[in-house]
């Protein structure tokens, strides 16, 4: 009886260790993906800001765009 309980506990611990390892891998992959997405967002913000700056440099504040 005691031997069986010990074996069940060891089996559960082994299962939990495997599960924790898989969860760690998943969290690591998600962190890498999040970092890539943050870099892409920062790049897009810089691109939009540079486009706005170029647009503002080419036209005075009160000037209407050519399509008006």
PDB file of N, CA and C in Angstrom:
ATOM      1  N   UNK A   1       0.824  -1.193   0.000  1.00  0.00           N
ATOM      2  CA  UNK A   1       0.000   0.000   0.000  1.00  0.00           C
ATOM      3  C   UNK A   1       0.866   1.254   0.000  1.00  0.00           C
ATOM      4  N   UNK A   2       1.816   1.333   0.902  1.00  0.00           N
ATOM      5  CA  UNK A   2       2.705   2.486   0.976  1.00  0.00           C
ATOM      6  C   UNK A   2       3.544   2.598  -0.294  1.00  0.00           C
ATOM      7  N   UNK A   3       3.967   1.458  -0.791  1.00  0.00           N
ATOM      8  CA  UNK A   3       4.766   1.428  -2.029  1.00  0.00           C
ATOM      9  C   UNK A   3       3.951   1.968  -3.204  1.00  0.00           C
ATOM     10  N   UNK A   4       2.693   1.610  -3.243  1.00  0.00           N
ATOM     11  CA  UNK A   4       1.809   2.069  -4.320  1.00  0.00           C
ATOM     12  C   UNK A   4       1.585   3.581  -4.242  1.00  0.00           C
ATOM     13  N   UNK A   5       1.375   4.092  -3.027  1.00  0.00           N
ATOM     14  CA  UNK A   5       1.193   5.540  -2.841  1.00  0.00           C
ATOM     15  C   UNK A   5       2.440   6.295  -3.268  1.00  0.00           C
ATOM     16  N   UNK A   6       3.587   5.788  -2.885  1.00  0.00           N
ATOM     17  CA  UNK A   6       4.851   6.417  -3.243  1.00  0.00           C
ATOM     18  C   UNK A   6       5.028   6.437  -4.760  1.00  0.00           C
ATOM     19  N   UNK A   7       4.686   5.357  -5.391  1.00  0.00           N
ATOM     20  CA  UNK A   7       4.795   5.277  -6.845  1.00  0.00           C
ATOM     21  C   UNK A   7       3.843   6.279  -7.522  1.00  0.00           C
ATOM     22  N   UNK A   8       2.621   6.402  -7.003  1.00  0.00           N
ATOM     23  CA  UNK A   8       1.665   7.374  -7.539  1.00  0.00           C
ATOM     24  C   UNK A   8       2.177   8.802  -7.384  1.00  0.00           C
ATOM     25  N   UNK A   9       2.754   9.095  -6.238  1.00  0.00           N
ATOM     26  CA  UNK A   9       3.296  10.432  -5.991  1.00  0.00           C
ATOM     27  C   UNK A   9       4.457  10.716  -6.947  1.00  0.00           C
ATOM     28  N   UNK A  10       5.335   9.758  -7.113  1.00  0.00           N
ATOM     29  CA  UNK A  10       6.463   9.934  -8.035  1.00  0.00           C
ATOM     30  C   UNK A  10       5.978  10.141  -9.467  1.00  0.00           C
ATOM     31  N   UNK A  11       4.937   9.424  -9.854  1.00  0.00           N
ATOM     32  CA  UNK A  11       4.371   9.573 -11.196  1.00  0.00           C
ATOM     33  C   UNK A  11       3.804  10.978 -11.379  1.00  0.00           C
ATOM     34  N   UNK A  12       3.082  11.453 -10.379  1.00  0.00           N
ATOM     35  CA  UNK A  12       2.513  12.801 -10.446  1.00  0.00           C
ATOM     36  C   UNK A  12       3.603  13.860 -10.504  1.00  0.00           C
ATOM     37  N   UNK A  13       4.647  13.699  -9.726  1.00  0.00           N
ATOM     38  CA  UNK A  13       5.753  14.656  -9.731  1.00  0.00           C
ATOM     39  C   UNK A  13       6.425  14.683 -11.096  1.00  0.00           C
ATOM     40  N   UNK A  14       6.635  13.524 -11.673  1.00  0.00           N
ATOM     41  CA  UNK A  14       7.244  13.452 -13.002  1.00  0.00           C
ATOM     42  C   UNK A  14       6.364  14.151 -14.031  1.00  0.00           C
ATOM     43  N   UNK A  15       5.076  13.900 -13.965  1.00  0.00           N
ATOM     44  CA  UNK A  15       4.143  14.555 -14.878  1.00  0.00           C
ATOM     45  C   UNK A  15       4.191  16.073 -14.703  1.00  0.00           C
ATOM     46  N   UNK A  16       4.208  16.536 -13.457  1.00  0.00           N
ATOM     47  CA  UNK A  16       4.245  17.970 -13.187  1.00  0.00           C
ATOM     48  C   UNK A  16       5.548  18.607 -13.665  1.00  0.00           C
ATOM     49  N   UNK A  17       6.649  17.915 -13.507  1.00  0.00           N
ATOM     50  CA  UNK A  17       7.930  18.427 -13.996  1.00  0.00           C
ATOM     51  C   UNK A  17       7.904  18.588 -15.512  1.00  0.00           C
ATOM     52  N   UNK A  18       7.345  17.603 -16.207  1.00  0.00           N
ATOM     53  CA  UNK A  18       7.228  17.693 -17.666  1.00  0.00           C
ATOM     54  C   UNK A  18       6.323  18.853 -18.073  1.00  0.00           C
ATOM     55  N   UNK A  19       5.225  19.004 -17.359  1.00  0.00           N
ATOM     56  CA  UNK A  19       4.286  20.081 -17.652  1.00  0.00           C
ATOM     57  C   UNK A  19       4.929  21.443 -17.412  1.00  0.00           C
ATOM     58  N   UNK A  20       5.657  21.587 -16.332  1.00  0.00           N
ATOM     59  CA  UNK A  20       6.340  22.849 -16.039  1.00  0.00           C
ATOM     60  C   UNK A  20       7.362  23.158 -17.125  1.00  0.00           C
ATOM     61  N   UNK A  21       8.091  22.176 -17.571  1.00  0.00           N
ATOM     62  CA  UNK A  21       9.077  22.381 -18.641  1.00  0.00           C
ATOM     63  C   UNK A  21       8.395  22.856 -19.929  1.00  0.00           C
ATOM     64  N   UNK A  22       7.279  22.243 -20.276  1.00  0.00           N
ATOM     65  CA  UNK A  22       6.531  22.673 -21.466  1.00  0.00           C
ATOM     66  C   UNK A  22       5.997  24.092 -21.303  1.00  0.00           C
ATOM     67  N   UNK A  23       5.499  24.412 -20.121  1.00  0.00           N
ATOM     68  CA  UNK A  23       5.000  25.771 -19.864  1.00  0.00           C
ATOM     69  C   UNK A  23       6.136  26.790 -19.949  1.00  0.00           C
ATOM     70  N   UNK A  24       7.295  26.450 -19.436  1.00  0.00           N
ATOM     71  CA  UNK A  24       8.454  27.338 -19.534  1.00  0.00           C
ATOM     72  C   UNK A  24       8.831  27.595 -20.984  1.00  0.00           C
ATOM     73  N   UNK A  25       8.810  26.565 -21.799  1.00  0.00           N
ATOM     74  CA  UNK A  25       9.116  26.727 -23.224  1.00  0.00           C
ATOM     75  C   UNK A  25       8.094  27.646 -23.891  1.00  0.00           C
ATOM     76  N   UNK A  26       6.836  27.452 -23.545  1.00  0.00           N
ATOM     77  CA  UNK A  26       5.772  28.270 -24.124  1.00  0.00           C
ATOM     78  C   UNK A  26       5.928  29.733 -23.721  1.00  0.00           C
ATOM     79  N   UNK A  27       6.199  29.982 -22.453  1.00  0.00           N
ATOM     80  CA  UNK A  27       6.383  31.350 -21.966  1.00  0.00           C
ATOM     81  C   UNK A  27       7.594  31.987 -22.655  1.00  0.00           C
ATOM     82  N   UNK A  28       8.662  31.242 -22.823  1.00  0.00           N
ATOM     83  CA  UNK A  28       9.858  31.754 -23.490  1.00  0.00           C
ATOM     84  C   UNK A  28       9.545  32.132 -24.934  1.00  0.00           C
ATOM     85  N   UNK A  29       8.845  31.267 -25.643  1.00  0.00           N
ATOM     86  CA  UNK A  29       8.483  31.554 -27.030  1.00  0.00           C
ATOM     87  C   UNK A  29       7.566  32.773 -27.116  1.00  0.00           C
ATOM     88  N   UNK A  30       6.622  32.882 -26.210  1.00  0.00           N
ATOM     89  CA  UNK A  30       5.723  34.032 -26.207  1.00  0.00           C
ATOM     90  C   UNK A  30       6.487  35.320 -25.908  1.00  0.00           C
ATOM     91  N   UNK A  31       7.455  35.260 -25.014  1.00  0.00           N
ATOM     92  CA  UNK A  31       8.257  36.440 -24.697  1.00  0.00           C
ATOM     93  C   UNK A  31       9.052  36.891 -25.922  1.00  0.00           C
ATOM     94  N   UNK A  32       9.635  35.948 -26.639  1.00  0.00           N
ATOM     95  CA  UNK A  32      10.385  36.294 -27.855  1.00  0.00           C
ATOM     96  C   UNK A  32       9.459  36.917 -28.897  1.00  0.00           C
ATOM     97  N   UNK A  33       8.277  36.343 -29.062  1.00  0.00           N
ATOM     98  CA  UNK A  33       7.318  36.877 -30.017  1.00  0.00           C
ATOM     99  C   UNK A  33       6.869  38.278 -29.600  1.00  0.00           C
ATOM    100  N   UNK A  34       6.641  38.482 -28.314  1.00  0.00           N
ATOM    101  CA  UNK A  34       6.251  39.795 -27.803  1.00  0.00           C
ATOM    102  C   UNK A  34       7.346  40.828 -28.070  1.00  0.00           C
ATOM    103  N   UNK A  35       8.589  40.454 -27.856  1.00  0.00           N
ATOM    104  CA  UNK A  35       9.701  41.373 -28.120  1.00  0.00           C
ATOM    105  C   UNK A  35       9.776  41.733 -29.598  1.00  0.00           C
ATOM    106  N   UNK A  36       9.549  40.758 -30.480  1.00  0.00           N
ATOM    107  CA  UNK A  36       9.550  41.051 -31.920  1.00  0.00           C
ATOM    108  C   UNK A  36       8.407  41.989 -32.284  1.00  0.00           C
ATOM    109  N   UNK A  37       7.228  41.756 -31.712  1.00  0.00           N
ATOM    110  CA  UNK A  37       6.078  42.618 -31.998  1.00  0.00           C
ATOM    111  C   UNK A  37       6.301  44.038 -31.479  1.00  0.00           C
ATOM    112  N   UNK A  38       6.915  44.164 -30.308  1.00  0.00           N
ATOM    113  CA  UNK A  38       7.223  45.491 -29.780  1.00  0.00           C
ATOM    114  C   UNK A  38       8.207  46.220 -30.690  1.00  0.00           C
ATOM    115  N   UNK A  39       9.191  45.498 -31.216  1.00  0.00           N
ATOM    116  CA  UNK A  39      10.155  46.109 -32.130  1.00  0.00           C
ATOM    117  C   UNK A  39       9.462  46.557 -33.420  1.00  0.00           C
ATOM    118  N   UNK A  40       8.547  45.745 -33.922  1.00  0.00           N
ATOM    119  CA  UNK A  40       7.802  46.105 -35.130  1.00  0.00           C
ATOM    120  C   UNK A  40       6.952  47.343 -34.867  1.00  0.00           C
ATOM    121  N   UNK A  41       6.270  47.391 -33.739  1.00  0.00           N
ATOM    122  CA  UNK A  41       5.439  48.558 -33.393  1.00  0.00           C
ATOM    123  C   UNK A  41       6.292  49.814 -33.288  1.00  0.00           C
ATOM    124  N   UNK A  42       7.442  49.717 -32.646  1.00  0.00           N
ATOM    125  CA  UNK A  42       8.328  50.877 -32.519  1.00  0.00           C
ATOM    126  C   UNK A  42       8.796  51.338 -33.895  1.00  0.00           C
ATOM    127  N   UNK A  43       9.099  50.397 -34.761  1.00  0.00           N
ATOM    128  CA  UNK A  43       9.511  50.738 -36.123  1.00  0.00           C
ATOM    129  C   UNK A  43       8.376  51.433 -36.876  1.00  0.00           C
ATOM    130  N   UNK A  44       7.168  50.944 -36.722  1.00  0.00           N
ATOM    131  CA  UNK A  44       6.019  51.562 -37.387  1.00  0.00           C
ATOM    132  C   UNK A  44       5.771  52.978 -36.861  1.00  0.00           C
ATOM    133  N   UNK A  45       5.926  53.172 -35.565  1.00  0.00           N
ATOM    134  CA  UNK A  45       5.753  54.503 -34.987  1.00  0.00           C
ATOM    135  C   UNK A  45       6.785  55.459 -35.572  1.00  0.00           C
ATOM    136  N   UNK A  46       8.048  55.017 -35.639  1.00  0.00           N
ATOM    137  CA  UNK A  46       9.093  55.866 -36.222  1.00  0.00           C
ATOM    138  C   UNK A  46       8.789  56.189 -37.675  1.00  0.00           C
ATOM    139  N   UNK A  47       8.315  55.203 -38.413  1.00  0.00           N
ATOM    140  CA  UNK A  47       7.990  55.405 -39.825  1.00  0.00           C
ATOM    141  C   UNK A  47       6.853  56.415 -39.982  1.00  0.00           C
ATOM    142  N   UNK A  48       5.809  56.272 -39.195  1.00  0.00           N
ATOM    143  CA  UNK A  48       4.667  57.197 -39.267  1.00  0.00           C
ATOM    144  C   UNK A  48       5.110  58.602 -38.873  1.00  0.00           C
ATOM    145  N   UNK A  49       5.915  58.707 -37.817  1.00  0.00           N
ATOM    146  CA  UNK A  49       6.400  60.024 -37.403  1.00  0.00           C
ATOM    147  C   UNK A  49       7.245  60.668 -38.488  1.00  0.00           C
ATOM    148  N   UNK A  50       8.092  59.892 -39.141  1.00  0.00           N
ATOM    149  CA  UNK A  50       8.922  60.464 -40.210  1.00  0.00           C
ATOM    150  C   UNK A  50       8.073  60.875 -41.405  1.00  0.00           C
ATOM    151  N   UNK A  51       7.010  60.120 -41.694  1.00  0.00           N
ATOM    152  CA  UNK A  51       6.108  60.496 -42.784  1.00  0.00           C
ATOM    153  C   UNK A  51       5.376  61.791 -42.440  1.00  0.00           C
ATOM    154  N   UNK A  52       4.929  61.926 -41.200  1.00  0.00           N
ATOM    155  CA  UNK A  52       4.251  63.149 -40.779  1.00  0.00           C
ATOM    156  C   UNK A  52       5.195  64.341 -40.824  1.00  0.00           C
ATOM    157  N   UNK A  53       6.420  64.121 -40.398  1.00  0.00           N
ATOM    158  CA  UNK A  53       7.399  65.195 -40.414  1.00  0.00           C
ATOM    159  C   UNK A  53       7.700  65.622 -41.852  1.00  0.00           C
ATOM    160  N   UNK A  54       7.862  64.674 -42.748  1.00  0.00           N
ATOM    161  CA  UNK A  54       8.126  64.991 -44.150  1.00  0.00           C
ATOM    162  C   UNK A  54       6.933  65.723 -44.757  1.00  0.00           C
ATOM    163  N   UNK A  55       5.743  65.317 -44.394  1.00  0.00           N
ATOM    164  CA  UNK A  55       4.530  65.964 -44.894  1.00  0.00           C
ATOM    165  C   UNK A  55       4.470  67.403 -44.402  1.00  0.00           C
ATOM    166  N   UNK A  56       4.769  67.615 -43.131  1.00  0.00           N
ATOM    167  CA  UNK A  56       4.720  68.952 -42.541  1.00  0.00           C
ATOM    168  C   UNK A  56       5.820  69.856 -43.094  1.00  0.00           C
ATOM    169  N   UNK A  57       6.960  69.294 -43.422  1.00  0.00           N
ATOM    170  CA  UNK A  57       8.049  70.091 -43.976  1.00  0.00           C
ATOM    171  C   UNK A  57       7.733  70.553 -45.394  1.00  0.00           C
ATOM    172  N   UNK A  58       6.957  69.797 -46.111  1.00  0.00           N
ATOM    173  CA  UNK A  58       6.641  70.116 -47.494  1.00  0.00           C
ATOM    174  C   UNK A  58       5.483  71.080 -47.643  1.00  0.00           C
ATOM    175  N   UNK A  59       4.770  71.406 -46.596  1.00  0.00           N
ATOM    176  CA  UNK A  59       3.568  72.234 -46.682  1.00  0.00           C
ATOM    177  C   UNK A  59       3.538  73.168 -45.479  1.00  0.00           C
ATOM    178  N   UNK A  60       3.221  74.434 -45.700  1.00  0.00           N
ATOM    179  CA  UNK A  60       3.121  75.360 -44.578  1.00  0.00           C
ATOM    180  C   UNK A  60       1.868  75.034 -43.770  1.00  0.00           C
ATOM    181  N   UNK A  61       1.761  75.580 -42.577  1.00  0.00           N
ATOM    182  CA  UNK A  61       0.677  75.240 -41.661  1.00  0.00           C
ATOM    183  C   UNK A  61      -0.694  75.595 -42.214  1.00  0.00           C
ATOM    184  N   UNK A  62      -0.807  76.704 -42.973  1.00  0.00           N
ATOM    185  CA  UNK A  62      -2.113  77.151 -43.475  1.00  0.00           C
ATOM    186  C   UNK A  62      -2.375  76.740 -44.924  1.00  0.00           C
ATOM    187  N   UNK A  63      -1.440  76.108 -45.543  1.00  0.00           N
ATOM    188  CA  UNK A  63      -1.579  75.722 -46.948  1.00  0.00           C
ATOM    189  C   UNK A  63      -2.504  74.522 -47.080  1.00  0.00           C
ATOM    190  N   UNK A  64      -3.386  74.586 -48.066  1.00  0.00           N
ATOM    191  CA  UNK A  64      -4.283  73.453 -48.312  1.00  0.00           C
ATOM    192  C   UNK A  64      -3.559  72.400 -49.151  1.00  0.00           C
ATOM    193  N   UNK A  65      -3.879  71.160 -48.937  1.00  0.00           N
ATOM    194  CA  UNK A  65      -3.281  70.104 -49.762  1.00  0.00           C
ATOM    195  C   UNK A  65      -3.708  70.273 -51.215  1.00  0.00           C
ATOM    196  N   UNK A  66      -2.957  69.760 -52.168  1.00  0.00           N
ATOM    197  CA  UNK A  66      -3.240  69.969 -53.592  1.00  0.00           C
ATOM    198  C   UNK A  66      -4.585  69.419 -54.056  1.00  0.00           C
ATOM    199  N   UNK A  67      -5.163  68.481 -53.380  1.00  0.00           N
ATOM    200  CA  UNK A  67      -6.411  67.892 -53.848  1.00  0.00           C
ATOM    201  C   UNK A  67      -7.633  68.722 -53.500  1.00  0.00           C
ATOM    202  N   UNK A  68      -7.496  69.887 -52.809  1.00  0.00           N
ATOM    203  CA  UNK A  68      -8.640  70.736 -52.485  1.00  0.00           C
ATOM    204  C   UNK A  68      -8.926  71.710 -53.594  1.00  0.00           C
TER     205      UNK A  68
END
